Amino acid sequence: MHLARFAASACALALAATGVTVALAPAGSAAGSSVYSVAPYVDMSNGQEGLLDTAVTGHGLKAYTAAFVLGEGCTQIWGDTLPIGNDSYTDPEIARAKSEGASVIISSGGASGEPLAWTCSTQSSIDAGYQAIINDYGVTQLDFDVEGAAIADTAAAARQMQAMKDLKASNPNLKFSMTLPVLTSGLTGDGVNILKAAKTAGIRIDVVNIMAMDYYAGTGTEMGQGAVSAAKATLAQMQSVDSGYTYANFGITPMIGKNDDGSTFTLADARTVESFAAQNGVGRLSFWSANRDQPCSGSANSLSTCSEISQNTLAFTDAFVPYAGSTGGGGGGTTTDFSLSLSPGSASVPQGGSATATVGMAVTSGSAESVGLSASGAPSGVSVSFNPASVTSGGSSTLTATVGSSVAAGTYPITVTGTAASGSHSATYSLTVTSSGSGGGGGGSLTNAGFETGSLTPWTCTGGSSVVAGPVHSGSHGLQVTPSSSSTGECDQSVTLAANHTYTLTAWVQGPYAYVGVSGGATASTWSNSTGWNQLTVSFTTGSSGAVTVYVHGWYGQSNVDADDFALG
């Protein structure tokens, strides 16, 4: 049970060992909008997510933090050991809450695991892994929870901050926050070092979210006032590192009800914290956890499922939900608004072919609303449709671009617009049409791009990778890339293209952690993690020699990756 012991055991372990526990937590909306001003954690592995549905549909909860994604080497899984984007239990739960109008923050790490930057030392893989969370769940808020000895890993913290800097460059609306353990006197030295790592990387943490819990001061501790003292002390420490920090960059996360350190956070304490937040424009209120926001009797063994105090079900949710957040750069007021994103934002399609993309609409402030979708700028012969054509913000739609056989080859910018009562937002979808000879088995400058010869030549492969009669995307043959338990499976083809020219590589793949890209005279790649066929698109610019190596590979320790119908255009 990951972070079901968020406060109880996770903080205890860290404080006992080093006087600190870090949790890089709910992707902050201090510079975001009020929809994220209240976002309690939900343990997605303890089977009580039905309470989340009730909080959303019956108690006005607009956002929550889904915990936890765990790093395993350079891959990621949910706490129930299933891969992100393909968890038959967690993914539907997240989708249902979003369909009910709730915005979601995805949290990595926890008491029993670590985020990817702590388990993987390859920066490009860390960046790609976090981007996969954004793409798979259509989120603009990421949460990272680092606990125990991991907080002292300064190299991992530096990788984390570099990843956030990289991701913010390609995802301008992305917000992240870190949750740090505190005493009533503020952060420990390791917590301050996390702030310094962000400063060194040239970024500011959107929300520094303190774990207002586990002071180990006994049963008489007044937890509401303790949280206020910790908040005041922590802001002073934050401003000593970066004078630009304000309470709008601040969050408070108590452990509701009884904790195993002998303390109890009551509904009166919740009112104290909410009042302090309102007076100072605090960017985030959270708590561990929505699963616990119900009464029961028992011992500390019940910490993951109930508060162990006398309360009405969802009473803490009711106490925090009215909080509107900072209006000075934090909560963003209560104006309703949404954002629109495309994933992927481009595709290369042969004449007579089609491509799809996911249109995501996130609630950025206020409440969810109906958004109608339209497209403009498509050339004659290209049709663009949406399924569904109208979406409640917080949900998504599938864009399908269908290219007629007579459409001239070229790149066409298509404007996708979402229109709601609050206004409209647009994003550009770049559609590259290639001649029919460049798609399917022809492959343009690639030879045997559809593997229809029945052999690998001129591809070179490692291990047991081979041409197979099935599964295939089209035709009668495809490629099966076979990793081993200790090495990646990979197939390569070296080609010489025009020098200093921009190309688009596409390929159809299926399987876990399927990577497609180029190396040598240019470096670019992308990946997916899907049980069904999906088209990957990579743009790159050649160097002075024009020589590149096209590759596809699957990760060690994972099952086979299937690939077919490469094209260069």
Protein backbone atom coordinates (compact mmCIF):
# COMPACT_ATOMS: atom_id res chain seq x y z
CA MET A 1 0.00 0.00 0.00
CA HIS A 2 1.89 3.03 -1.27
CA LEU A 3 1.59 6.21 0.72
CA ALA A 4 -1.33 4.84 2.59
CA ARG A 5 1.35 5.36 5.22
CA PHE A 6 2.30 8.74 3.73
CA ALA A 7 2.31 10.47 7.08
CA ALA A 8 2.32 7.60 9.48
CA SER A 9 5.24 5.44 8.47
CA ALA A 10 6.88 7.29 5.60
CA CYS A 11 7.58 10.40 7.60
CA ALA A 12 8.49 8.36 10.65
CA LEU A 13 11.13 6.45 8.72
CA ALA A 14 12.64 9.60 7.29
CA LEU A 15 12.61 11.64 10.46
CA ALA A 16 14.10 8.76 12.36
CA ALA A 17 16.88 8.34 9.82
CA THR A 18 17.82 11.86 8.76
CA GLY A 19 15.32 14.22 10.34
CA VAL A 20 13.59 14.66 6.98
CA THR A 21 11.30 13.03 4.54
CA VAL A 22 10.61 14.47 1.17
CA ALA A 23 7.63 14.09 -0.94
CA LEU A 24 7.58 15.83 -4.24
CA ALA A 25 3.86 16.34 -4.31
CA PRO A 26 0.72 17.59 -5.93
CA ALA A 27 1.65 19.34 -9.11
CA GLY A 28 1.10 22.77 -7.88
CA SER A 29 -1.32 25.28 -9.06
CA ALA A 30 0.11 28.16 -7.17
CA ALA A 31 0.73 29.69 -10.53
CA GLY A 32 -2.26 27.88 -11.85
CA SER A 33 -5.96 28.09 -11.10
CA SER A 34 -8.42 27.60 -8.26
CA VAL A 35 -9.58 24.25 -9.54
CA TYR A 36 -6.33 22.86 -8.10
CA SER A 37 -6.44 24.87 -4.87
CA VAL A 38 -7.91 21.87 -3.05
CA ALA A 39 -6.57 18.49 -4.21
CA PRO A 40 -6.51 15.70 -1.61
CA TYR A 41 -4.52 12.56 -2.25
CA VAL A 42 -6.28 9.36 -3.29
CA ASP A 43 -4.48 6.05 -2.79
CA MET A 44 -5.29 4.31 -6.09
CA SER A 45 -4.20 0.94 -4.71
CA ASN A 46 -6.44 0.46 -1.68
CA GLY A 47 -9.79 -0.27 -3.35
CA GLN A 48 -11.78 2.64 -1.88
CA GLU A 49 -11.93 4.93 -4.87
CA GLY A 50 -15.74 4.88 -4.72
CA LEU A 51 -15.42 7.52 -2.02
CA LEU A 52 -13.68 9.72 -4.59
CA ASP A 53 -16.69 9.45 -6.93
CA THR A 54 -18.96 10.55 -4.10
CA ALA A 55 -16.68 13.48 -3.25
CA VAL A 56 -16.70 14.64 -6.87
CA THR A 57 -20.35 14.12 -7.69
CA GLY A 58 -21.89 14.99 -4.33
CA HIS A 59 -19.46 17.24 -2.45
CA GLY A 60 -18.03 19.59 -5.08
CA LEU A 61 -14.45 18.27 -5.18
CA LYS A 62 -12.82 19.63 -8.37
CA ALA A 63 -9.34 18.07 -8.21
CA TYR A 64 -7.45 15.23 -6.56
CA THR A 65 -3.98 13.71 -6.52
CA ALA A 66 -3.78 10.10 -7.79
CA ALA A 67 -1.03 8.15 -6.03
CA PHE A 68 1.38 6.51 -6.91
CA VAL A 69 3.46 5.95 -10.03
CA LEU A 70 6.71 4.17 -9.18
CA GLY A 71 10.03 4.21 -10.99
CA GLU A 72 11.56 0.82 -11.77
CA GLY A 73 14.89 1.40 -13.43
CA CYS A 74 13.97 3.58 -16.41
CA THR A 75 10.36 2.32 -16.61
CA GLN A 76 7.29 3.29 -14.58
CA ILE A 77 4.41 1.35 -13.05
CA TRP A 78 1.47 2.09 -10.80
CA GLY A 79 1.65 0.89 -7.21
CA ASP A 80 -0.36 -2.20 -8.11
CA THR A 81 2.55 -3.19 -10.42
CA LEU A 82 0.73 -2.48 -13.71
CA PRO A 83 2.32 -0.11 -16.27
CA ILE A 84 1.21 3.50 -16.63
CA GLY A 85 -1.25 4.06 -19.45
CA ASN A 86 -2.20 0.38 -19.35
CA ASP A 87 -3.51 -0.28 -15.84
CA SER A 88 -6.86 -2.03 -16.15
CA TYR A 89 -7.93 -0.84 -12.69
CA THR A 90 -6.37 2.58 -12.08
CA ASP A 91 -6.79 4.00 -15.59
CA PRO A 92 -10.59 3.53 -15.68
CA GLU A 93 -10.88 5.05 -12.19
CA ILE A 94 -9.00 8.15 -13.33
CA ALA A 95 -11.04 8.36 -16.53
CA ARG A 96 -14.30 8.09 -14.57
CA ALA A 97 -13.40 10.87 -12.14
CA LYS A 98 -12.35 13.09 -15.07
CA SER A 99 -15.64 12.36 -16.84
CA GLU A 100 -17.41 13.47 -13.67
CA GLY A 101 -15.65 16.83 -13.90
CA ALA A 102 -12.62 16.36 -11.65
CA SER A 103 -9.10 17.39 -12.67
CA VAL A 104 -6.35 14.96 -11.77
CA ILE A 105 -2.76 15.36 -10.61
CA ILE A 106 -0.57 12.27 -11.08
CA SER A 107 1.77 11.55 -8.18
CA SER A 108 5.03 9.60 -8.41
CA GLY A 109 6.96 8.02 -5.53
CA GLY A 110 5.56 7.42 -2.06
CA ALA A 111 6.51 5.47 1.02
CA SER A 112 7.27 2.29 -0.89
CA GLY A 113 8.84 3.67 -4.05
CA GLU A 114 10.60 6.51 -5.80
CA PRO A 115 9.96 8.72 -8.84
CA LEU A 116 11.78 8.00 -12.07
CA ALA A 117 14.59 10.53 -11.53
CA TRP A 118 15.63 8.52 -8.47
CA THR A 119 15.63 5.12 -10.19
CA CYS A 120 16.96 6.08 -13.64
CA SER A 121 20.17 8.01 -14.37
CA THR A 122 19.52 8.67 -18.09
CA GLN A 123 18.12 12.19 -18.44
CA SER A 124 16.43 11.58 -21.79
CA SER A 125 14.62 8.52 -20.38
CA ILE A 126 13.51 10.48 -17.31
CA ASP A 127 12.15 13.27 -19.50
CA ALA A 128 10.40 10.77 -21.77
CA GLY A 129 8.91 8.90 -18.81
CA TYR A 130 7.39 12.00 -17.24
CA GLN A 131 6.16 13.13 -20.65
CA ALA A 132 4.44 9.75 -21.00
CA ILE A 133 2.45 10.46 -17.81
CA ILE A 134 1.38 13.81 -19.26
CA ASN A 135 0.40 12.20 -22.57
CA ASP A 136 -1.29 9.10 -21.16
CA TYR A 137 -3.52 10.96 -18.71
CA GLY A 138 -3.86 14.39 -20.32
CA VAL A 139 -2.67 16.22 -17.20
CA THR A 140 -0.99 19.57 -16.65
CA GLN A 141 -0.02 18.89 -13.03
CA LEU A 142 2.64 16.41 -11.84
CA ASP A 143 3.33 15.37 -8.27
CA PHE A 144 6.56 13.80 -6.99
CA ASP A 145 6.91 12.18 -3.58
CA VAL A 146 10.42 11.35 -2.39
CA GLU A 147 10.81 9.82 1.05
CA GLY A 148 13.36 8.19 3.32
CA ALA A 149 17.01 8.03 2.31
CA ALA A 150 16.21 9.20 -1.23
CA ILE A 151 15.96 12.81 -0.09
CA ALA A 152 19.72 12.88 0.42
CA ASP A 153 20.38 11.83 -3.20
CA THR A 154 21.50 15.17 -4.59
CA ALA A 155 22.28 13.73 -8.03
CA ALA A 156 18.72 12.45 -8.36
CA ALA A 157 17.35 15.81 -7.21
CA ALA A 158 19.44 17.54 -9.89
CA ARG A 159 18.07 15.13 -12.54
CA GLN A 160 14.55 15.84 -11.31
CA MET A 161 14.94 19.59 -11.64
CA GLN A 162 16.51 19.27 -15.08
CA ALA A 163 13.58 17.08 -16.15
CA MET A 164 11.11 19.68 -14.95
CA LYS A 165 13.00 22.42 -16.76
CA ASP A 166 13.00 20.34 -19.96
CA LEU A 167 9.31 19.45 -19.65
CA LYS A 168 8.22 23.02 -18.95
CA ALA A 169 9.98 24.08 -22.15
CA SER A 170 7.85 21.69 -24.20
CA ASN A 171 4.70 21.89 -22.01
CA PRO A 172 4.30 25.60 -21.18
CA ASN A 173 1.26 25.05 -18.93
CA LEU A 174 2.91 22.31 -16.86
CA LYS A 175 3.01 22.84 -13.09
CA PHE A 176 4.78 20.76 -10.46
CA SER A 177 5.17 20.82 -6.72
CA MET A 178 7.24 19.09 -4.08
CA THR A 179 6.00 18.07 -0.68
CA LEU A 180 8.63 18.35 2.03
CA PRO A 181 8.43 17.13 5.63
CA VAL A 182 8.62 19.84 8.26
CA LEU A 183 8.78 20.45 11.94
CA THR A 184 6.88 23.37 13.41
CA SER A 185 10.18 25.25 13.03
CA GLY A 186 10.25 24.67 9.26
CA LEU A 187 12.14 22.55 6.74
CA THR A 188 15.15 20.43 7.58
CA GLY A 189 18.46 21.01 5.83
CA ASP A 190 17.74 18.40 3.15
CA GLY A 191 14.44 20.09 2.42
CA VAL A 192 16.17 23.41 1.89
CA ASN A 193 18.66 21.64 -0.41
CA ILE A 194 15.75 20.59 -2.65
CA LEU A 195 14.87 24.28 -3.05
CA LYS A 196 18.49 25.05 -3.84
CA ALA A 197 18.54 22.31 -6.51
CA ALA A 198 15.64 24.05 -8.24
CA LYS A 199 17.42 27.40 -7.98
CA THR A 200 20.57 25.90 -9.50
CA ALA A 201 18.53 24.49 -12.40
CA GLY A 202 17.01 27.89 -13.05
CA ILE A 203 13.42 27.05 -12.14
CA ARG A 204 11.02 27.90 -9.32
CA ILE A 205 8.92 25.16 -7.75
CA ASP A 206 5.28 26.00 -8.39
CA VAL A 207 4.16 24.80 -4.95
CA VAL A 208 6.32 23.77 -2.00
CA ASN A 209 3.79 21.64 -0.16
CA ILE A 210 4.64 20.89 3.49
CA MET A 211 3.65 17.70 5.27
CA ALA A 212 2.07 19.29 8.33
CA MET A 213 2.19 16.11 10.38
CA ASP A 214 4.44 13.74 12.31
CA TYR A 215 6.06 16.25 14.63
CA TYR A 216 6.42 13.49 17.25
CA ALA A 217 5.53 15.95 19.98
CA GLY A 218 2.90 13.79 21.66
CA THR A 219 -0.87 13.67 21.93
CA GLY A 220 -1.18 17.24 23.17
CA THR A 221 0.14 18.83 19.98
CA GLU A 222 -2.26 21.41 18.54
CA MET A 223 -2.02 20.38 14.88
CA GLY A 224 -3.79 23.37 13.34
CA GLN A 225 -1.51 25.93 14.98
CA GLY A 226 1.46 23.61 14.35
CA ALA A 227 0.71 23.78 10.62
CA VAL A 228 0.53 27.58 10.76
CA SER A 229 3.90 27.79 12.56
CA ALA A 230 5.47 25.41 10.06
CA ALA A 231 4.07 27.43 7.16
CA LYS A 232 5.47 30.75 8.42
CA ALA A 233 8.90 29.28 9.07
CA THR A 234 9.03 27.46 5.75
CA LEU A 235 8.13 30.54 3.69
CA ALA A 236 11.04 32.40 5.31
CA GLN A 237 13.36 29.54 4.29
CA MET A 238 11.98 29.54 0.76
CA GLN A 239 12.53 33.27 0.39
CA SER A 240 16.09 32.91 1.68
CA VAL A 241 16.76 30.71 -1.39
CA ASP A 242 14.63 32.67 -3.90
CA SER A 243 13.08 36.00 -2.92
CA GLY A 244 10.38 35.48 -5.56
CA TYR A 245 8.59 32.81 -3.52
CA THR A 246 5.29 33.82 -1.88
CA TYR A 247 2.45 31.97 -0.19
CA ALA A 248 1.05 31.51 -3.70
CA ASN A 249 3.93 29.01 -4.12
CA PHE A 250 2.97 27.21 -0.95
CA GLY A 251 0.83 24.23 0.02
CA ILE A 252 -0.24 22.55 3.26
CA THR A 253 -1.00 18.83 3.56
CA PRO A 254 -2.10 17.50 6.97
CA MET A 255 -2.86 13.91 7.95
CA ILE A 256 -6.55 14.03 8.84
CA GLY A 257 -7.78 12.25 11.96
CA LYS A 258 -5.49 10.16 14.18
CA ASN A 259 -1.86 9.59 13.31
CA ASP A 260 0.54 7.00 14.71
CA ASP A 261 2.69 9.67 16.40
CA GLY A 262 -0.15 10.24 18.87
CA SER A 263 -1.46 13.41 17.24
CA THR A 264 -4.98 14.09 15.97
CA PHE A 265 -5.88 16.56 13.23
CA THR A 266 -9.48 17.57 13.89
CA LEU A 267 -12.13 19.42 11.93
CA ALA A 268 -11.36 22.45 14.11
CA ASP A 269 -7.74 22.19 12.95
CA ALA A 270 -8.97 22.06 9.36
CA ARG A 271 -10.84 25.33 9.91
CA THR A 272 -7.67 26.89 11.39
CA VAL A 273 -5.61 25.88 8.37
CA GLU A 274 -8.28 26.97 5.87
CA SER A 275 -8.58 30.37 7.57
CA PHE A 276 -4.79 30.86 7.46
CA ALA A 277 -4.73 29.86 3.79
CA ALA A 278 -7.50 32.32 2.92
CA GLN A 279 -5.80 35.19 4.78
CA ASN A 280 -2.45 34.60 3.07
CA GLY A 281 -3.39 33.37 -0.40
CA VAL A 282 -1.89 29.88 0.00
CA GLY A 283 -1.64 28.13 -3.36
CA ARG A 284 -2.73 24.62 -2.31
CA LEU A 285 -4.64 22.80 0.39
CA SER A 286 -4.44 19.03 0.38
CA PHE A 287 -4.68 16.18 2.88
CA TRP A 288 -3.91 12.51 3.22
CA SER A 289 -6.29 11.16 2.15
CA ALA A 290 -9.74 11.15 0.55
CA ASN A 291 -9.81 7.41 1.33
CA ARG A 292 -9.52 8.25 5.06
CA ASP A 293 -12.26 10.90 5.08
CA GLN A 294 -14.80 8.69 6.87
CA PRO A 295 -15.33 7.51 10.45
CA CYS A 296 -14.39 4.15 11.94
CA SER A 297 -13.03 2.62 15.09
CA GLY A 298 -9.82 0.70 15.49
CA SER A 299 -6.08 1.11 15.71
CA ALA A 300 -3.31 2.50 13.53
CA ASN A 301 -3.91 -0.44 11.20
CA SER A 302 -6.84 1.57 9.89
CA LEU A 303 -4.72 4.56 8.87
CA SER A 304 -5.21 3.93 5.15
CA THR A 305 -8.99 3.58 5.22
CA CYS A 306 -10.52 5.91 7.83
CA SER A 307 -9.79 8.75 10.24
CA GLU A 308 -10.54 6.92 13.52
CA ILE A 309 -12.36 9.98 14.84
CA SER A 310 -16.02 10.91 15.10
CA GLN A 311 -16.94 12.67 11.85
CA ASN A 312 -19.41 12.64 9.01
CA THR A 313 -18.23 10.95 5.83
CA LEU A 314 -16.25 13.45 3.70
CA ALA A 315 -16.38 16.09 6.45
CA PHE A 316 -12.78 17.18 5.78
CA THR A 317 -13.52 17.43 2.07
CA ASP A 318 -16.50 19.66 2.91
CA ALA A 319 -14.27 21.80 5.15
CA PHE A 320 -11.61 22.38 2.47
CA VAL A 321 -13.60 22.47 -0.79
CA PRO A 322 -14.91 26.05 -0.31
CA TYR A 323 -11.31 27.34 -0.32
CA ALA A 324 -10.84 29.29 -3.58
CA GLY A 325 -7.07 29.61 -3.47
CA SER A 326 -4.72 32.50 -3.99
CA THR A 327 -5.76 35.41 -6.18
CA GLY A 328 -2.22 36.78 -6.31
CA GLY A 329 -0.70 34.27 -8.70
CA GLY A 330 -1.75 31.18 -6.81
CA GLY A 331 -5.35 30.08 -6.99
CA GLY A 332 -6.15 32.34 -9.89
CA GLY A 333 -9.62 33.32 -8.74
CA THR A 334 -12.78 31.47 -9.70
CA THR A 335 -13.16 32.36 -13.38
CA THR A 336 -14.05 29.30 -15.42
CA ASP A 337 -11.52 28.41 -18.12
CA PHE A 338 -9.92 25.43 -19.83
CA SER A 339 -6.84 24.50 -21.85
CA LEU A 340 -6.60 22.53 -25.09
CA SER A 341 -3.74 20.20 -26.05
CA LEU A 342 -2.94 17.76 -28.88
CA SER A 343 -1.05 14.50 -28.50
CA PRO A 344 0.73 13.99 -30.80
CA GLY A 345 0.82 17.46 -32.30
CA SER A 346 1.88 16.26 -35.74
CA ALA A 347 1.65 13.28 -38.08
CA SER A 348 2.98 12.12 -41.43
CA VAL A 349 0.34 10.42 -43.56
CA PRO A 350 0.59 8.93 -47.07
CA GLN A 351 -1.99 9.87 -49.68
CA GLY A 352 -5.09 7.80 -49.02
CA GLY A 353 -4.17 7.29 -45.35
CA SER A 354 -5.30 8.69 -42.02
CA ALA A 355 -3.94 9.64 -38.61
CA THR A 356 -5.39 10.18 -35.14
CA ALA A 357 -4.55 12.39 -32.19
CA THR A 358 -5.97 12.92 -28.71
CA VAL A 359 -7.49 16.32 -28.01
CA GLY A 360 -7.26 16.96 -24.28
CA MET A 361 -9.26 19.61 -22.43
CA ALA A 362 -8.14 20.35 -18.88
CA VAL A 363 -10.04 22.56 -16.43
CA THR A 364 -7.65 25.40 -15.57
CA SER A 365 -10.00 27.38 -13.36
CA GLY A 366 -13.55 27.33 -12.10
CA SER A 367 -15.81 24.46 -13.10
CA ALA A 368 -15.94 21.95 -15.93
CA GLU A 369 -17.92 23.09 -18.96
CA SER A 370 -18.99 21.82 -22.36
CA VAL A 371 -16.43 22.44 -25.13
CA GLY A 372 -17.30 22.15 -28.83
CA LEU A 373 -14.49 21.18 -31.23
CA SER A 374 -13.80 22.37 -34.76
CA ALA A 375 -10.90 22.42 -37.24
CA SER A 376 -9.83 24.93 -39.88
CA GLY A 377 -7.02 25.19 -42.40
CA ALA A 378 -7.20 21.65 -43.79
CA PRO A 379 -6.48 21.54 -47.54
CA SER A 380 -9.02 20.29 -50.06
CA GLY A 381 -9.23 16.53 -49.87
CA VAL A 382 -8.37 16.31 -46.15
CA SER A 383 -11.24 15.83 -43.70
CA VAL A 384 -10.92 16.28 -39.95
CA SER A 385 -13.45 14.81 -37.53
CA PHE A 386 -13.79 14.56 -33.74
CA ASN A 387 -15.23 11.76 -31.63
CA PRO A 388 -17.00 13.07 -29.67
CA ALA A 389 -17.44 16.52 -31.20
CA SER A 390 -18.35 18.05 -27.84
CA VAL A 391 -16.51 17.25 -24.61
CA THR A 392 -16.76 18.32 -20.99
CA SER A 393 -13.50 20.00 -20.01
CA GLY A 394 -11.42 17.51 -18.09
CA GLY A 395 -12.14 14.89 -20.77
CA SER A 396 -10.75 14.19 -24.23
CA SER A 397 -11.75 13.56 -27.84
CA THR A 398 -10.13 11.67 -30.72
CA LEU A 399 -9.20 13.70 -33.80
CA THR A 400 -9.07 11.77 -37.09
CA ALA A 401 -7.47 13.33 -40.17
CA THR A 402 -8.32 11.46 -43.39
CA VAL A 403 -6.20 12.24 -46.46
CA GLY A 404 -7.59 11.77 -49.96
CA SER A 405 -5.49 10.03 -52.62
CA SER A 406 -5.13 13.21 -54.70
CA VAL A 407 -3.95 15.58 -51.95
CA ALA A 408 -0.62 17.15 -52.88
CA ALA A 409 2.37 16.16 -50.77
CA GLY A 410 3.36 18.83 -48.27
CA THR A 411 2.95 20.00 -44.68
CA TYR A 412 -0.32 21.63 -43.69
CA PRO A 413 -0.99 23.43 -40.37
CA ILE A 414 -4.52 22.67 -39.15
CA THR A 415 -5.99 24.79 -36.37
CA VAL A 416 -8.01 22.85 -33.78
CA THR A 417 -10.32 25.09 -31.73
CA GLY A 418 -12.34 24.38 -28.62
CA THR A 419 -15.21 26.77 -27.92
CA ALA A 420 -17.07 27.04 -24.60
CA ALA A 421 -19.12 29.61 -22.73
CA SER A 422 -15.93 30.93 -21.10
CA GLY A 423 -14.21 31.50 -24.47
CA SER A 424 -12.09 29.55 -26.93
CA HIS A 425 -8.60 28.05 -27.13
CA SER A 426 -6.71 26.66 -30.13
CA ALA A 427 -3.74 24.44 -30.93
CA THR A 428 -2.02 23.64 -34.22
CA TYR A 429 -1.92 20.13 -35.68
CA SER A 430 0.85 19.75 -38.28
CA LEU A 431 -0.19 17.27 -40.97
CA THR A 432 2.49 16.15 -43.42
CA VAL A 433 1.11 14.41 -46.52
CA THR A 434 3.57 12.13 -48.32
CA SER A 435 3.21 10.54 -51.73
CA SER A 436 1.67 7.08 -51.57
CA GLY A 437 5.01 5.59 -52.47
CA SER A 438 6.44 6.88 -49.17
CA GLY A 439 3.95 5.11 -46.94
CA GLY A 440 3.06 1.53 -46.22
CA GLY A 441 5.67 -0.86 -47.55
CA GLY A 442 7.40 1.62 -49.85
CA GLY A 443 9.06 3.67 -47.13
CA GLY A 444 10.57 6.42 -49.28
CA SER A 445 14.30 6.35 -48.61
CA LEU A 446 13.97 3.24 -46.45
CA THR A 447 14.32 -0.21 -47.99
CA ASN A 448 12.01 -3.05 -46.97
CA ALA A 449 10.11 -0.57 -44.77
CA GLY A 450 7.05 -2.84 -44.59
CA PHE A 451 9.08 -6.09 -44.32
CA GLU A 452 7.10 -7.54 -47.21
CA THR A 453 10.20 -9.27 -48.61
CA GLY A 454 9.83 -11.72 -45.75
CA SER A 455 13.43 -11.13 -44.63
CA LEU A 456 15.26 -8.57 -42.49
CA THR A 457 17.67 -7.33 -45.18
CA PRO A 458 18.88 -4.56 -45.04
CA TRP A 459 17.79 -4.21 -41.41
CA THR A 460 20.22 -5.51 -38.77
CA CYS A 461 18.84 -6.74 -35.48
CA THR A 462 19.98 -7.98 -32.09
CA GLY A 463 18.96 -11.18 -30.36
CA GLY A 464 15.96 -13.07 -31.63
CA SER A 465 14.28 -10.20 -33.50
CA SER A 466 12.79 -11.38 -36.80
CA VAL A 467 10.29 -10.84 -39.61
CA VAL A 468 6.97 -12.53 -38.78
CA ALA A 469 3.71 -13.31 -40.55
CA GLY A 470 1.76 -11.92 -37.61
CA PRO A 471 0.94 -9.70 -35.92
CA VAL A 472 1.19 -7.14 -38.75
CA HIS A 473 -0.18 -3.65 -39.26
CA SER A 474 -0.68 -4.10 -42.99
CA GLY A 475 0.38 -6.55 -45.69
CA SER A 476 1.57 -10.06 -44.91
CA HIS A 477 4.70 -9.45 -42.83
CA GLY A 478 5.89 -7.31 -39.94
CA LEU A 479 8.85 -7.00 -37.59
CA GLN A 480 9.00 -8.49 -34.11
CA VAL A 481 11.67 -6.99 -31.84
CA THR A 482 12.62 -9.32 -28.99
CA PRO A 483 14.34 -7.92 -25.87
CA SER A 484 16.03 -10.23 -23.37
CA SER A 485 16.01 -10.08 -19.61
CA SER A 486 19.25 -8.08 -19.63
CA SER A 487 19.43 -6.21 -22.93
CA THR A 488 17.23 -4.22 -25.29
CA GLY A 489 16.05 -5.69 -28.57
CA GLU A 490 16.80 -3.43 -31.53
CA CYS A 491 16.65 -3.33 -35.32
CA ASP A 492 18.52 -0.69 -37.37
CA GLN A 493 18.78 0.51 -40.96
CA SER A 494 21.42 3.04 -42.04
CA VAL A 495 20.39 5.47 -44.78
CA THR A 496 21.93 8.52 -46.44
CA LEU A 497 19.52 11.42 -46.92
CA ALA A 498 19.88 14.99 -48.13
CA ALA A 499 22.24 17.03 -45.98
CA ASN A 500 20.84 19.65 -43.57
CA HIS A 501 17.26 18.74 -44.40
CA THR A 502 14.27 18.17 -42.10
CA TYR A 503 12.56 14.78 -42.37
CA THR A 504 9.67 13.03 -40.66
CA LEU A 505 9.97 9.37 -39.71
CA THR A 506 6.78 7.41 -39.00
CA ALA A 507 6.21 3.82 -37.96
CA TRP A 508 3.40 1.70 -36.60
CA VAL A 509 4.19 -0.13 -33.36
CA GLN A 510 2.59 -2.00 -30.51
CA GLY A 511 3.94 -3.40 -27.26
CA PRO A 512 5.55 -2.14 -24.03
CA TYR A 513 8.00 0.74 -24.27
CA ALA A 514 8.29 0.71 -28.06
CA TYR A 515 10.88 3.26 -29.18
CA VAL A 516 11.35 4.61 -32.72
CA GLY A 517 14.02 7.11 -33.68
CA VAL A 518 17.21 8.05 -35.48
CA SER A 519 20.83 8.23 -34.35
CA GLY A 520 24.16 9.11 -35.90
CA GLY A 521 23.91 12.24 -38.04
CA ALA A 522 20.74 13.26 -36.16
CA THR A 523 19.29 12.31 -32.78
CA ALA A 524 15.56 12.11 -32.10
CA SER A 525 13.12 9.54 -30.75
CA THR A 526 9.66 8.93 -29.38
CA TRP A 527 7.90 6.00 -27.74
CA SER A 528 4.60 4.50 -26.75
CA ASN A 529 3.32 1.82 -24.40
CA SER A 530 0.24 0.30 -26.01
CA THR A 531 -1.28 -3.12 -26.54
CA GLY A 532 -2.70 -1.97 -29.90
CA TRP A 533 -1.17 -0.60 -33.07
CA ASN A 534 -0.38 3.12 -32.92
CA GLN A 535 1.63 5.39 -35.21
CA LEU A 536 4.74 7.11 -33.87
CA THR A 537 6.13 10.24 -35.53
CA VAL A 538 9.66 11.63 -35.18
CA SER A 539 10.95 14.83 -36.85
CA PHE A 540 14.69 15.35 -37.28
CA THR A 541 17.17 17.40 -39.27
CA THR A 542 20.17 15.76 -40.93
CA GLY A 543 23.72 17.03 -40.61
CA SER A 544 26.28 17.78 -43.27
CA SER A 545 26.67 14.10 -44.26
CA GLY A 546 22.94 13.28 -44.40
CA ALA A 547 23.69 9.87 -42.86
CA VAL A 548 21.43 8.56 -40.08
CA THR A 549 20.48 5.24 -38.59
CA VAL A 550 16.76 4.52 -38.24
CA TYR A 551 15.96 2.22 -35.32
CA VAL A 552 13.21 0.58 -33.34
CA HIS A 553 13.77 -1.05 -29.98
CA GLY A 554 12.07 -2.53 -26.95
CA TRP A 555 13.29 -2.38 -23.35
CA TYR A 556 15.06 -5.20 -21.54
CA GLY A 557 12.88 -7.28 -19.28
CA GLN A 558 9.75 -6.42 -21.29
CA SER A 559 7.81 -8.46 -23.83
CA ASN A 560 8.11 -8.20 -27.63
CA VAL A 561 7.59 -5.01 -29.62
CA ASP A 562 5.87 -5.28 -33.03
CA ALA A 563 6.71 -2.76 -35.78
CA ASP A 564 5.53 -2.26 -39.37
CA ASP A 565 5.10 0.28 -42.18
CA PHE A 566 8.02 2.65 -41.63
CA ALA A 567 8.08 5.79 -43.78
CA LEU A 568 10.43 8.72 -44.32
CA GLY A 569 9.07 11.92 -45.75
